[in-house]
Amino acid sequence: MDIKVANRLQELRKKNGYSQEDLADELGVSRQAVSKWERGDASPDTDNLIALSKIYNVTLDELINGEDEYKVNENDYVNFKKEENSKNLKSEDDDDDDDDDKNLTPVQKLTITIASCVSVIIALTAYLILGLCFNLWHPSWIVFMLIPFVSSLADAIVKKNPSHFAYPVLVVVIYLIVGFLTNLWHPCWAIFLTIPIYYIIIDVSKDVKKIKTKK
């Protein structure tokens, strides 16, 4: 028998105020049998284990595994479940984007691709026209920022997910245009403060939607 179990049997016996002889009489076995259990030379059979658990007023798990170890294992299980729940919540958020891509129809995917290609063509054409015809190479380079703006807008509309929209790009474009046209770089920089507000609103709306769905 495991020496840990043997030591536990001895500790429980002493804790409950039994001598080896008293316990042997209670179980209807010899004192030598109890001594062998506590030395690890032999193991009590199932009937004696059940009888010991009743005498010591413990479960079989506590009798064999020990009360402290049993509690640790129980706490580990609780902590494990908490970690699993936390991971599941994170994976749900991560899976939202994956599900968006998986649920797209071929037409929707083609729409996003076309929007991206068209934005590139329009931006390049506009830049060349403004540069060659009006010598506005600067600041007409801003038109290239239309590429992520248009493509992300199409992505957000098709997937019905505003978090896919490149709102920071829009903010930068507005800031640059206003700055170049009016030279009001300050206080126009305050527009950047709307970026975290935009994403906070999206997160809150998602949470509200999840709560309503669960209800």
N, C-alpha and C. Protein backbone atom coordinates (compact mmCIF):
# COMPACT_ATOMS: atom_id res chain seq x y z
N MET A 1 0.84 -1.19 0.00
CA MET A 1 0.00 0.00 0.00
C MET A 1 0.88 1.25 0.00
N ASP A 2 0.40 2.31 -0.61
CA ASP A 2 1.11 3.57 -0.66
C ASP A 2 1.40 4.06 0.75
N ILE A 3 2.66 4.47 0.98
CA ILE A 3 3.06 4.91 2.32
C ILE A 3 2.28 6.14 2.76
N LYS A 4 1.89 7.00 1.77
CA LYS A 4 1.09 8.17 2.11
C LYS A 4 -0.26 7.76 2.69
N VAL A 5 -0.88 6.76 2.07
CA VAL A 5 -2.16 6.26 2.57
C VAL A 5 -1.98 5.65 3.95
N ALA A 6 -0.88 4.91 4.12
CA ALA A 6 -0.60 4.29 5.41
C ALA A 6 -0.45 5.35 6.50
N ASN A 7 0.31 6.40 6.21
CA ASN A 7 0.48 7.48 7.19
C ASN A 7 -0.84 8.18 7.49
N ARG A 8 -1.68 8.29 6.44
CA ARG A 8 -2.98 8.95 6.62
C ARG A 8 -3.88 8.14 7.54
N LEU A 9 -3.84 6.84 7.39
CA LEU A 9 -4.64 5.97 8.25
C LEU A 9 -4.19 6.11 9.71
N GLN A 10 -2.88 6.20 9.90
CA GLN A 10 -2.36 6.37 11.26
C GLN A 10 -2.76 7.72 11.84
N GLU A 11 -2.67 8.77 11.02
CA GLU A 11 -3.04 10.11 11.48
C GLU A 11 -4.52 10.18 11.85
N LEU A 12 -5.37 9.59 11.01
CA LEU A 12 -6.80 9.61 11.29
C LEU A 12 -7.13 8.83 12.56
N ARG A 13 -6.45 7.72 12.77
CA ARG A 13 -6.69 6.91 13.98
C ARG A 13 -6.35 7.71 15.23
N LYS A 14 -5.16 8.33 15.21
CA LYS A 14 -4.74 9.10 16.37
C LYS A 14 -5.61 10.34 16.56
N LYS A 15 -6.00 10.96 15.44
CA LYS A 15 -6.84 12.15 15.52
C LYS A 15 -8.17 11.85 16.17
N ASN A 16 -8.68 10.66 15.92
CA ASN A 16 -9.98 10.27 16.48
C ASN A 16 -9.86 9.55 17.82
N GLY A 17 -8.64 9.47 18.37
CA GLY A 17 -8.44 8.94 19.72
C GLY A 17 -8.52 7.43 19.85
N TYR A 18 -8.19 6.73 18.77
CA TYR A 18 -8.21 5.27 18.80
C TYR A 18 -6.79 4.74 18.95
N SER A 19 -6.65 3.68 19.73
CA SER A 19 -5.40 2.92 19.72
C SER A 19 -5.56 1.85 18.65
N GLN A 20 -4.46 1.20 18.33
CA GLN A 20 -4.55 0.13 17.32
C GLN A 20 -5.47 -0.99 17.79
N GLU A 21 -5.41 -1.28 19.06
CA GLU A 21 -6.27 -2.34 19.61
C GLU A 21 -7.74 -1.94 19.58
N ASP A 22 -8.00 -0.67 19.97
CA ASP A 22 -9.40 -0.20 19.94
C ASP A 22 -9.97 -0.24 18.53
N LEU A 23 -9.17 0.19 17.58
CA LEU A 23 -9.64 0.21 16.19
C LEU A 23 -9.83 -1.21 15.68
N ALA A 24 -8.91 -2.08 16.05
CA ALA A 24 -9.02 -3.48 15.64
C ALA A 24 -10.31 -4.11 16.17
N ASP A 25 -10.63 -3.79 17.44
CA ASP A 25 -11.87 -4.32 18.02
C ASP A 25 -13.09 -3.74 17.31
N GLU A 26 -13.02 -2.47 16.95
CA GLU A 26 -14.14 -1.80 16.28
C GLU A 26 -14.40 -2.44 14.91
N LEU A 27 -13.32 -2.79 14.22
CA LEU A 27 -13.44 -3.36 12.88
C LEU A 27 -13.60 -4.88 12.88
N GLY A 28 -13.26 -5.50 14.00
CA GLY A 28 -13.32 -6.95 14.07
C GLY A 28 -12.14 -7.61 13.38
N VAL A 29 -10.98 -6.95 13.46
CA VAL A 29 -9.75 -7.51 12.87
C VAL A 29 -8.68 -7.54 13.98
N SER A 30 -7.54 -8.12 13.67
CA SER A 30 -6.47 -8.20 14.64
C SER A 30 -5.68 -6.88 14.69
N ARG A 31 -5.01 -6.66 15.85
CA ARG A 31 -4.19 -5.47 15.97
C ARG A 31 -3.06 -5.50 14.97
N GLN A 32 -2.54 -6.70 14.67
CA GLN A 32 -1.46 -6.84 13.70
C GLN A 32 -1.89 -6.37 12.31
N ALA A 33 -3.17 -6.60 11.97
CA ALA A 33 -3.68 -6.16 10.67
C ALA A 33 -3.66 -4.63 10.58
N VAL A 34 -4.12 -3.98 11.65
CA VAL A 34 -4.10 -2.51 11.68
C VAL A 34 -2.67 -2.00 11.60
N SER A 35 -1.76 -2.66 12.31
CA SER A 35 -0.35 -2.26 12.30
C SER A 35 0.23 -2.39 10.89
N LYS A 36 -0.10 -3.45 10.18
CA LYS A 36 0.39 -3.64 8.80
C LYS A 36 -0.14 -2.56 7.87
N TRP A 37 -1.42 -2.15 8.07
CA TRP A 37 -1.99 -1.09 7.24
C TRP A 37 -1.20 0.20 7.41
N GLU A 38 -0.87 0.50 8.67
CA GLU A 38 -0.21 1.76 8.97
C GLU A 38 1.28 1.74 8.64
N ARG A 39 1.83 0.56 8.42
CA ARG A 39 3.23 0.47 7.97
C ARG A 39 3.32 0.38 6.45
N GLY A 40 2.19 0.14 5.83
CA GLY A 40 2.18 0.01 4.38
C GLY A 40 2.48 -1.40 3.91
N ASP A 41 2.46 -2.36 4.83
CA ASP A 41 2.74 -3.75 4.46
C ASP A 41 1.51 -4.44 3.89
N ALA A 42 0.34 -3.91 4.17
CA ALA A 42 -0.90 -4.51 3.67
C ALA A 42 -1.93 -3.40 3.49
N SER A 43 -3.00 -3.73 2.78
CA SER A 43 -4.06 -2.75 2.52
C SER A 43 -5.38 -3.28 3.05
N PRO A 44 -6.20 -2.43 3.65
CA PRO A 44 -7.53 -2.86 4.08
C PRO A 44 -8.41 -3.16 2.86
N ASP A 45 -9.26 -4.16 2.99
CA ASP A 45 -10.15 -4.47 1.87
C ASP A 45 -11.26 -3.43 1.79
N THR A 46 -12.13 -3.60 0.80
CA THR A 46 -13.18 -2.59 0.56
C THR A 46 -14.09 -2.42 1.75
N ASP A 47 -14.49 -3.53 2.37
CA ASP A 47 -15.40 -3.43 3.51
C ASP A 47 -14.76 -2.65 4.65
N ASN A 48 -13.47 -2.90 4.90
CA ASN A 48 -12.78 -2.20 5.98
C ASN A 48 -12.57 -0.72 5.65
N LEU A 49 -12.34 -0.42 4.36
CA LEU A 49 -12.21 0.98 3.96
C LEU A 49 -13.51 1.73 4.21
N ILE A 50 -14.63 1.10 3.87
CA ILE A 50 -15.94 1.73 4.10
C ILE A 50 -16.17 1.91 5.59
N ALA A 51 -15.81 0.88 6.37
CA ALA A 51 -15.98 0.96 7.82
C ALA A 51 -15.11 2.06 8.41
N LEU A 52 -13.87 2.18 7.92
CA LEU A 52 -12.97 3.23 8.41
C LEU A 52 -13.51 4.62 8.09
N SER A 53 -14.07 4.79 6.89
CA SER A 53 -14.62 6.10 6.51
C SER A 53 -15.79 6.47 7.41
N LYS A 54 -16.57 5.47 7.82
CA LYS A 54 -17.69 5.76 8.71
C LYS A 54 -17.20 6.08 10.12
N ILE A 55 -16.20 5.35 10.57
CA ILE A 55 -15.66 5.59 11.91
C ILE A 55 -15.05 6.98 12.02
N TYR A 56 -14.30 7.37 10.98
CA TYR A 56 -13.62 8.67 10.99
C TYR A 56 -14.50 9.80 10.45
N ASN A 57 -15.68 9.43 10.00
CA ASN A 57 -16.65 10.40 9.48
C ASN A 57 -16.04 11.21 8.32
N VAL A 58 -15.45 10.50 7.37
CA VAL A 58 -14.88 11.12 6.18
C VAL A 58 -15.37 10.32 4.97
N THR A 59 -15.23 10.92 3.80
CA THR A 59 -15.57 10.20 2.57
C THR A 59 -14.42 9.28 2.20
N LEU A 60 -14.70 8.37 1.29
CA LEU A 60 -13.63 7.48 0.81
C LEU A 60 -12.54 8.28 0.11
N ASP A 61 -12.93 9.33 -0.60
CA ASP A 61 -11.93 10.18 -1.26
C ASP A 61 -10.99 10.81 -0.24
N GLU A 62 -11.57 11.32 0.85
CA GLU A 62 -10.75 11.95 1.89
C GLU A 62 -9.91 10.91 2.61
N LEU A 63 -10.46 9.72 2.76
CA LEU A 63 -9.72 8.65 3.44
C LEU A 63 -8.51 8.22 2.63
N ILE A 64 -8.69 8.11 1.32
CA ILE A 64 -7.62 7.61 0.45
C ILE A 64 -6.70 8.74 -0.01
N ASN A 65 -7.32 9.85 -0.45
CA ASN A 65 -6.53 10.94 -1.02
C ASN A 65 -6.09 11.97 0.00
N GLY A 66 -6.79 12.02 1.11
CA GLY A 66 -6.46 13.02 2.11
C GLY A 66 -7.33 14.24 1.98
N GLU A 67 -7.73 14.83 3.08
CA GLU A 67 -8.64 15.97 3.07
C GLU A 67 -8.02 17.17 2.39
N ASP A 68 -6.75 17.48 2.70
CA ASP A 68 -6.09 18.64 2.12
C ASP A 68 -5.93 18.49 0.63
N GLU A 69 -5.50 17.29 0.20
CA GLU A 69 -5.29 17.06 -1.23
C GLU A 69 -6.61 17.11 -1.96
N TYR A 70 -7.66 16.59 -1.30
CA TYR A 70 -8.99 16.61 -1.91
C TYR A 70 -9.45 18.04 -2.13
N LYS A 71 -9.19 18.90 -1.12
CA LYS A 71 -9.61 20.29 -1.25
C LYS A 71 -8.81 21.00 -2.32
N VAL A 72 -7.52 20.69 -2.40
CA VAL A 72 -6.67 21.30 -3.42
C VAL A 72 -7.15 20.92 -4.80
N ASN A 73 -7.48 19.63 -4.95
CA ASN A 73 -7.95 19.18 -6.25
C ASN A 73 -9.27 19.83 -6.62
N GLU A 74 -10.12 20.03 -5.63
CA GLU A 74 -11.41 20.68 -5.87
C GLU A 74 -11.19 22.13 -6.28
N ASN A 75 -10.28 22.81 -5.59
CA ASN A 75 -9.97 24.20 -5.94
C ASN A 75 -9.35 24.29 -7.31
N ASP A 76 -8.47 23.32 -7.63
CA ASP A 76 -7.86 23.30 -8.95
C ASP A 76 -8.92 23.16 -10.03
N TYR A 77 -9.92 22.33 -9.74
CA TYR A 77 -11.00 22.13 -10.71
C TYR A 77 -11.79 23.43 -10.92
N VAL A 78 -12.07 24.12 -9.79
CA VAL A 78 -12.81 25.39 -9.88
C VAL A 78 -12.01 26.41 -10.68
N ASN A 79 -10.70 26.50 -10.37
CA ASN A 79 -9.84 27.44 -11.10
C ASN A 79 -9.75 27.06 -12.57
N PHE A 80 -9.70 25.75 -12.83
CA PHE A 80 -9.65 25.28 -14.21
C PHE A 80 -10.89 25.69 -14.97
N LYS A 81 -12.05 25.56 -14.34
CA LYS A 81 -13.31 25.93 -14.98
C LYS A 81 -13.35 27.43 -15.25
N LYS A 82 -12.81 28.23 -14.28
CA LYS A 82 -12.79 29.67 -14.48
C LYS A 82 -11.92 30.04 -15.67
N GLU A 83 -10.74 29.37 -15.76
CA GLU A 83 -9.84 29.64 -16.88
C GLU A 83 -10.47 29.23 -18.19
N GLU A 84 -11.18 28.09 -18.17
CA GLU A 84 -11.83 27.62 -19.39
C GLU A 84 -12.91 28.59 -19.84
N ASN A 85 -13.69 29.09 -18.85
CA ASN A 85 -14.75 30.05 -19.19
C ASN A 85 -14.16 31.33 -19.76
N SER A 86 -13.04 31.77 -19.16
CA SER A 86 -12.37 32.97 -19.64
C SER A 86 -11.86 32.78 -21.06
N LYS A 87 -11.27 31.59 -21.32
CA LYS A 87 -10.78 31.30 -22.67
C LYS A 87 -11.91 31.23 -23.67
N ASN A 88 -13.05 30.66 -23.21
CA ASN A 88 -14.20 30.54 -24.12
C ASN A 88 -14.73 31.91 -24.50
N LEU A 89 -14.74 32.85 -23.50
CA LEU A 89 -15.22 34.19 -23.80
C LEU A 89 -14.32 34.88 -24.81
N LYS A 90 -12.97 34.70 -24.62
CA LYS A 90 -12.03 35.30 -25.55
C LYS A 90 -12.16 34.67 -26.93
N SER A 91 -12.34 33.32 -26.94
CA SER A 91 -12.42 32.65 -28.23
C SER A 91 -13.70 33.03 -28.97
N GLU A 92 -14.76 33.35 -28.16
CA GLU A 92 -16.00 33.80 -28.81
C GLU A 92 -15.78 35.09 -29.55
N ASP A 93 -15.03 36.01 -28.89
CA ASP A 93 -14.73 37.29 -29.54
C ASP A 93 -13.85 37.08 -30.76
N ASP A 94 -12.86 36.17 -30.66
CA ASP A 94 -11.98 35.91 -31.79
C ASP A 94 -12.72 35.22 -32.92
N ASP A 95 -13.68 34.35 -32.53
CA ASP A 95 -14.41 33.60 -33.54
C ASP A 95 -15.38 34.47 -34.31
N ASP A 96 -15.74 35.65 -33.73
CA ASP A 96 -16.68 36.53 -34.43
C ASP A 96 -16.13 36.90 -35.80
N ASP A 97 -14.85 37.26 -35.84
CA ASP A 97 -14.23 37.65 -37.11
C ASP A 97 -14.12 36.45 -38.05
N ASP A 98 -13.78 35.27 -37.48
CA ASP A 98 -13.67 34.08 -38.32
C ASP A 98 -15.01 33.71 -38.91
N ASP A 99 -16.08 33.81 -38.07
CA ASP A 99 -17.41 33.48 -38.56
C ASP A 99 -17.84 34.44 -39.65
N ASP A 100 -17.46 35.73 -39.51
CA ASP A 100 -17.80 36.71 -40.54
C ASP A 100 -17.25 36.27 -41.89
N ASP A 101 -16.00 35.82 -41.91
CA ASP A 101 -15.37 35.40 -43.16
C ASP A 101 -15.99 34.11 -43.70
N LYS A 102 -16.29 33.17 -42.79
CA LYS A 102 -16.82 31.88 -43.22
C LYS A 102 -18.24 32.00 -43.77
N ASN A 103 -19.00 32.94 -43.22
CA ASN A 103 -20.41 33.06 -43.61
C ASN A 103 -20.62 33.90 -44.86
N LEU A 104 -19.56 34.44 -45.43
CA LEU A 104 -19.69 35.26 -46.62
C LEU A 104 -20.03 34.41 -47.84
N THR A 105 -20.91 34.93 -48.66
CA THR A 105 -21.22 34.25 -49.92
C THR A 105 -20.17 34.67 -50.96
N PRO A 106 -20.06 33.91 -52.03
CA PRO A 106 -19.12 34.29 -53.10
C PRO A 106 -19.36 35.70 -53.63
N VAL A 107 -20.63 36.10 -53.71
CA VAL A 107 -20.96 37.45 -54.19
C VAL A 107 -20.43 38.51 -53.23
N GLN A 108 -20.58 38.26 -51.93
CA GLN A 108 -20.11 39.21 -50.93
C GLN A 108 -18.58 39.33 -50.96
N LYS A 109 -17.91 38.19 -51.10
CA LYS A 109 -16.45 38.21 -51.19
C LYS A 109 -16.00 38.97 -52.43
N LEU A 110 -16.71 38.74 -53.53
CA LEU A 110 -16.38 39.43 -54.78
C LEU A 110 -16.60 40.93 -54.64
N THR A 111 -17.65 41.31 -53.91
CA THR A 111 -17.96 42.73 -53.70
C THR A 111 -16.82 43.43 -52.97
N ILE A 112 -16.30 42.78 -51.93
CA ILE A 112 -15.19 43.34 -51.15
C ILE A 112 -13.94 43.47 -52.02
N THR A 113 -13.69 42.44 -52.82
CA THR A 113 -12.51 42.46 -53.70
C THR A 113 -12.61 43.57 -54.74
N ILE A 114 -13.79 43.69 -55.35
CA ILE A 114 -14.01 44.73 -56.37
C ILE A 114 -13.84 46.11 -55.76
N ALA A 115 -14.39 46.30 -54.56
CA ALA A 115 -14.28 47.60 -53.89
C ALA A 115 -12.82 47.96 -53.64
N SER A 116 -12.03 46.98 -53.26
CA SER A 116 -10.61 47.23 -53.02
C SER A 116 -9.89 47.60 -54.30
N CYS A 117 -10.18 46.85 -55.37
CA CYS A 117 -9.54 47.12 -56.66
C CYS A 117 -9.94 48.48 -57.22
N VAL A 118 -11.22 48.79 -57.13
CA VAL A 118 -11.72 50.07 -57.64
C VAL A 118 -11.09 51.23 -56.87
N SER A 119 -10.95 51.08 -55.56
CA SER A 119 -10.36 52.15 -54.75
C SER A 119 -8.92 52.41 -55.15
N VAL A 120 -8.19 51.36 -55.50
CA VAL A 120 -6.81 51.51 -55.95
C VAL A 120 -6.76 52.27 -57.28
N ILE A 121 -7.63 51.87 -58.20
CA ILE A 121 -7.67 52.51 -59.52
C ILE A 121 -8.05 53.98 -59.40
N ILE A 122 -9.08 54.27 -58.61
CA ILE A 122 -9.53 55.66 -58.45
C ILE A 122 -8.45 56.51 -57.80
N ALA A 123 -7.81 55.98 -56.75
CA ALA A 123 -6.78 56.74 -56.04
C ALA A 123 -5.60 57.05 -56.96
N LEU A 124 -5.15 56.03 -57.71
CA LEU A 124 -4.00 56.22 -58.61
C LEU A 124 -4.34 57.20 -59.73
N THR A 125 -5.54 57.06 -60.29
CA THR A 125 -5.97 57.96 -61.38
C THR A 125 -6.06 59.40 -60.89
N ALA A 126 -6.69 59.58 -59.72
CA ALA A 126 -6.85 60.93 -59.17
C ALA A 126 -5.50 61.56 -58.86
N TYR A 127 -4.58 60.76 -58.34
CA TYR A 127 -3.25 61.28 -57.99
C TYR A 127 -2.50 61.72 -59.24
N LEU A 128 -2.56 60.91 -60.31
CA LEU A 128 -1.86 61.25 -61.55
C LEU A 128 -2.47 62.49 -62.22
N ILE A 129 -3.79 62.58 -62.22
CA ILE A 129 -4.46 63.74 -62.83
C ILE A 129 -4.10 65.02 -62.09
N LEU A 130 -4.20 64.96 -60.76
CA LEU A 130 -3.89 66.17 -59.98
C LEU A 130 -2.41 66.54 -60.07
N GLY A 131 -1.56 65.54 -60.20
CA GLY A 131 -0.14 65.82 -60.28
C GLY A 131 0.29 66.32 -61.65
N LEU A 132 -0.17 65.64 -62.70
CA LEU A 132 0.25 66.00 -64.05
C LEU A 132 -0.43 67.26 -64.56
N CYS A 133 -1.70 67.40 -64.26
CA CYS A 133 -2.46 68.53 -64.80
C CYS A 133 -2.34 69.80 -63.95
N PHE A 134 -2.25 69.62 -62.65
CA PHE A 134 -2.25 70.80 -61.77
C PHE A 134 -1.00 70.89 -60.90
N ASN A 135 -0.09 69.97 -61.10
CA ASN A 135 1.17 69.92 -60.35
C ASN A 135 0.93 69.85 -58.83
N LEU A 136 -0.14 69.17 -58.49
CA LEU A 136 -0.49 69.02 -57.07
C LEU A 136 -0.07 67.64 -56.56
N TRP A 137 1.23 67.36 -56.73
CA TRP A 137 1.70 66.07 -56.20
C TRP A 137 1.57 66.06 -54.67
N HIS A 138 1.68 67.22 -54.14
CA HIS A 138 1.44 67.39 -52.70
C HIS A 138 0.40 68.49 -52.54
N PRO A 139 -0.70 68.30 -51.83
CA PRO A 139 -0.94 67.16 -50.93
C PRO A 139 -1.85 66.09 -51.51
N SER A 140 -1.89 65.94 -52.84
CA SER A 140 -2.83 65.00 -53.45
C SER A 140 -2.52 63.54 -53.12
N TRP A 141 -1.33 63.29 -52.54
CA TRP A 141 -1.02 61.91 -52.13
C TRP A 141 -2.02 61.39 -51.09
N ILE A 142 -2.78 62.28 -50.51
CA ILE A 142 -3.80 61.87 -49.52
C ILE A 142 -4.82 60.92 -50.14
N VAL A 143 -5.01 61.02 -51.48
CA VAL A 143 -6.02 60.18 -52.13
C VAL A 143 -5.71 58.69 -51.96
N PHE A 144 -4.44 58.36 -51.74
CA PHE A 144 -4.10 56.95 -51.56
C PHE A 144 -4.67 56.37 -50.26
N MET A 145 -5.03 57.27 -49.37
CA MET A 145 -5.65 56.81 -48.11
C MET A 145 -7.10 56.41 -48.34
N LEU A 146 -7.58 56.69 -49.56
CA LEU A 146 -8.92 56.22 -49.90
C LEU A 146 -8.96 54.70 -50.04
N ILE A 147 -7.80 54.11 -50.32
CA ILE A 147 -7.76 52.66 -50.55
C ILE A 147 -8.20 51.88 -49.30
N PRO A 148 -7.53 52.07 -48.14
CA PRO A 148 -8.00 51.35 -46.94
C PRO A 148 -9.37 51.85 -46.48
N PHE A 149 -9.66 53.13 -46.74
CA PHE A 149 -10.95 53.67 -46.33
C PHE A 149 -12.09 52.96 -47.07
N VAL A 150 -12.01 52.90 -48.40
CA VAL A 150 -13.08 52.30 -49.20
C VAL A 150 -13.17 50.80 -48.97
N SER A 151 -12.02 50.12 -48.97
CA SER A 151 -12.03 48.67 -48.81
C SER A 151 -12.57 48.26 -47.44
N SER A 152 -12.18 48.99 -46.40
CA SER A 152 -12.67 48.65 -45.05
C SER A 152 -14.14 49.00 -44.91
N LEU A 153 -14.57 50.07 -45.58
CA LEU A 153 -15.99 50.44 -45.55
C LEU A 153 -16.84 49.35 -46.20
N ALA A 154 -16.38 48.86 -47.36
CA ALA A 154 -17.10 47.78 -48.04
C ALA A 154 -17.12 46.52 -47.17
N ASP A 155 -16.00 46.23 -46.53
CA ASP A 155 -15.90 45.05 -45.65
C ASP A 155 -16.88 45.17 -44.49
N ALA A 156 -16.94 46.36 -43.89
CA ALA A 156 -17.83 46.57 -42.74
C ALA A 156 -19.29 46.48 -43.14
N ILE A 157 -19.63 47.01 -44.31
CA ILE A 157 -21.02 46.98 -44.77
C ILE A 157 -21.46 45.56 -45.12
N VAL A 158 -20.61 44.84 -45.85
CA VAL A 158 -20.96 43.48 -46.26
C VAL A 158 -21.08 42.56 -45.05
N LYS A 159 -20.13 42.68 -44.13
CA LYS A 159 -20.13 41.81 -42.95
C LYS A 159 -21.01 42.34 -41.82
N LYS A 160 -21.55 43.54 -42.01
CA LYS A 160 -22.39 44.18 -40.99
C LYS A 160 -21.66 44.25 -39.65
N ASN A 161 -20.40 44.61 -39.74
CA ASN A 161 -19.56 44.71 -38.55
C ASN A 161 -18.78 46.01 -38.59
N PRO A 162 -19.22 47.04 -37.86
CA PRO A 162 -18.57 48.36 -37.92
C PRO A 162 -17.12 48.36 -37.43
N SER A 163 -16.73 47.33 -36.66
CA SER A 163 -15.35 47.28 -36.17
C SER A 163 -14.36 47.02 -37.30
N HIS A 164 -14.86 46.55 -38.46
CA HIS A 164 -13.99 46.31 -39.61
C HIS A 164 -13.68 47.59 -40.38
N PHE A 165 -14.44 48.63 -40.09
CA PHE A 165 -14.22 49.89 -40.79
C PHE A 165 -12.98 50.58 -40.22
N ALA A 166 -12.09 51.05 -41.11
CA ALA A 166 -10.85 51.70 -40.69
C ALA A 166 -11.14 53.14 -40.30
N TYR A 167 -11.81 53.30 -39.16
CA TYR A 167 -12.17 54.65 -38.69
C TYR A 167 -10.94 55.53 -38.45
N PRO A 168 -9.85 54.98 -37.90
CA PRO A 168 -8.65 55.84 -37.73
C PRO A 168 -8.14 56.44 -39.04
N VAL A 169 -8.28 55.70 -40.14
CA VAL A 169 -7.85 56.23 -41.43
C VAL A 169 -8.71 57.43 -41.82
N LEU A 170 -10.00 57.33 -41.58
CA LEU A 170 -10.91 58.43 -41.87
C LEU A 170 -10.52 59.67 -41.06
N VAL A 171 -10.19 59.44 -39.80
CA VAL A 171 -9.80 60.56 -38.92
C VAL A 171 -8.54 61.23 -39.46
N VAL A 172 -7.57 60.42 -39.87
CA VAL A 172 -6.31 60.97 -40.40
C VAL A 172 -6.58 61.78 -41.66
N VAL A 173 -7.42 61.26 -42.55
CA VAL A 173 -7.74 61.96 -43.80
C VAL A 173 -8.38 63.31 -43.50
N ILE A 174 -9.36 63.31 -42.61
CA ILE A 174 -10.03 64.57 -42.26
C ILE A 174 -9.05 65.56 -41.66
N TYR A 175 -8.18 65.05 -40.77
CA TYR A 175 -7.21 65.93 -40.12
C TYR A 175 -6.25 66.55 -41.13
N LEU A 176 -5.77 65.74 -42.07
CA LEU A 176 -4.83 66.25 -43.07
C LEU A 176 -5.49 67.25 -44.01
N ILE A 177 -6.70 66.94 -44.47
CA ILE A 177 -7.39 67.84 -45.39
C ILE A 177 -7.65 69.20 -44.73
N VAL A 178 -8.20 69.15 -43.51
CA VAL A 178 -8.48 70.39 -42.79
C VAL A 178 -7.18 71.15 -42.50
N GLY A 179 -6.13 70.41 -42.15
CA GLY A 179 -4.85 71.06 -41.86
C GLY A 179 -4.26 71.74 -43.06
N PHE A 180 -4.25 71.05 -44.22
CA PHE A 180 -3.67 71.64 -45.43
C PHE A 180 -4.49 72.81 -45.95
N LEU A 181 -5.83 72.72 -45.83
CA LEU A 181 -6.68 73.77 -46.38
C LEU A 181 -6.78 74.99 -45.47
N THR A 182 -6.77 74.78 -44.17
CA THR A 182 -6.99 75.89 -43.24
C THR A 182 -5.80 76.17 -42.33
N ASN A 183 -4.83 75.25 -42.36
CA ASN A 183 -3.65 75.36 -41.49
C ASN A 183 -4.01 75.34 -40.00
N LEU A 184 -5.16 74.79 -39.71
CA LEU A 184 -5.61 74.69 -38.32
C LEU A 184 -5.23 73.31 -37.75
N TRP A 185 -3.92 73.06 -37.72
CA TRP A 185 -3.49 71.77 -37.17
C TRP A 185 -3.85 71.67 -35.69
N HIS A 186 -3.89 72.81 -35.08
CA HIS A 186 -4.37 72.90 -33.71
C HIS A 186 -5.54 73.88 -33.71
N PRO A 187 -6.71 73.53 -33.20
CA PRO A 187 -6.98 72.38 -32.33
C PRO A 187 -7.58 71.17 -33.03
N CYS A 188 -7.38 71.05 -34.35
CA CYS A 188 -8.01 69.95 -35.08
C CYS A 188 -7.52 68.57 -34.63
N TRP A 189 -6.35 68.54 -33.95
CA TRP A 189 -5.84 67.26 -33.47
C TRP A 189 -6.83 66.57 -32.52
N ALA A 190 -7.76 67.33 -31.95
CA ALA A 190 -8.73 66.78 -31.01
C ALA A 190 -9.62 65.72 -31.65
N ILE A 191 -9.67 65.73 -32.99
CA ILE A 191 -10.49 64.74 -33.68
C ILE A 191 -10.01 63.32 -33.41
N PHE A 192 -8.73 63.17 -33.09
CA PHE A 192 -8.18 61.84 -32.81
C PHE A 192 -8.77 61.24 -31.53
N LEU A 193 -9.31 62.09 -30.68
CA LEU A 193 -9.93 61.60 -29.45
C LEU A 193 -11.20 60.80 -29.73
N THR A 194 -11.73 60.96 -30.92
CA THR A 194 -12.96 60.23 -31.26
C THR A 194 -12.69 58.77 -31.59
N ILE A 195 -11.41 58.42 -31.84
CA ILE A 195 -11.08 57.03 -32.21
C ILE A 195 -11.41 56.04 -31.10
N PRO A 196 -10.90 56.25 -29.87
CA PRO A 196 -11.27 55.31 -28.81
C PRO A 196 -12.76 55.32 -28.51
N ILE A 197 -13.39 56.50 -28.64
CA ILE A 197 -14.83 56.58 -28.41
C ILE A 197 -15.58 55.70 -29.40
N TYR A 198 -15.13 55.72 -30.65
CA TYR A 198 -15.77 54.92 -31.71
C TYR A 198 -15.76 53.43 -31.34
N TYR A 199 -14.59 52.93 -30.92
CA TYR A 199 -14.46 51.51 -30.61
C TYR A 199 -15.13 51.15 -29.29
N ILE A 200 -15.19 52.08 -28.35
CA ILE A 200 -15.92 51.83 -27.10
C ILE A 200 -17.39 51.65 -27.39
N ILE A 201 -17.92 52.50 -28.26
CA ILE A 201 -19.34 52.39 -28.63
C ILE A 201 -19.61 51.03 -29.28
N ILE A 202 -18.70 50.59 -30.15
CA ILE A 202 -18.87 49.29 -30.82
C ILE A 202 -18.86 48.16 -29.81
N ASP A 203 -17.90 48.20 -28.87
CA ASP A 203 -17.80 47.14 -27.86
C ASP A 203 -19.05 47.09 -26.98
N VAL A 204 -19.53 48.26 -26.59
CA VAL A 204 -20.73 48.32 -25.75
C VAL A 204 -21.93 47.76 -26.49
N SER A 205 -22.06 48.12 -27.76
CA SER A 205 -23.18 47.62 -28.55
C SER A 205 -23.12 46.11 -28.71
N LYS A 206 -21.89 45.56 -28.84
CA LYS A 206 -21.73 44.11 -28.93
C LYS A 206 -22.16 43.42 -27.64
N ASP A 207 -21.74 44.01 -26.50
CA ASP A 207 -22.10 43.44 -25.21
C ASP A 207 -23.61 43.46 -25.00
N VAL A 208 -24.23 44.57 -25.38
CA VAL A 208 -25.68 44.68 -25.24
C VAL A 208 -26.39 43.64 -26.11
N LYS A 209 -25.84 43.43 -27.31
CA LYS A 209 -26.43 42.46 -28.23
C LYS A 209 -26.31 41.05 -27.66
N LYS A 210 -25.15 40.74 -27.04
CA LYS A 210 -24.95 39.41 -26.46
C LYS A 210 -25.91 39.18 -25.29
N ILE A 211 -26.10 40.22 -24.47
CA ILE A 211 -27.00 40.10 -23.33
C ILE A 211 -28.42 39.85 -23.80
N LYS A 212 -28.84 40.58 -24.83
CA LYS A 212 -30.20 40.39 -25.35
C LYS A 212 -30.34 39.00 -25.96
N THR A 213 -29.29 38.51 -26.60
CA THR A 213 -29.33 37.18 -27.21
C THR A 213 -29.47 36.10 -26.15
N LYS A 214 -28.72 36.24 -25.03
CA LYS A 214 -28.79 35.26 -23.95
C LYS A 214 -30.15 35.22 -23.30
N LYS A 215 -30.77 36.41 -23.21
CA LYS A 215 -32.12 36.48 -22.62
C LYS A 215 -33.14 35.78 -23.50
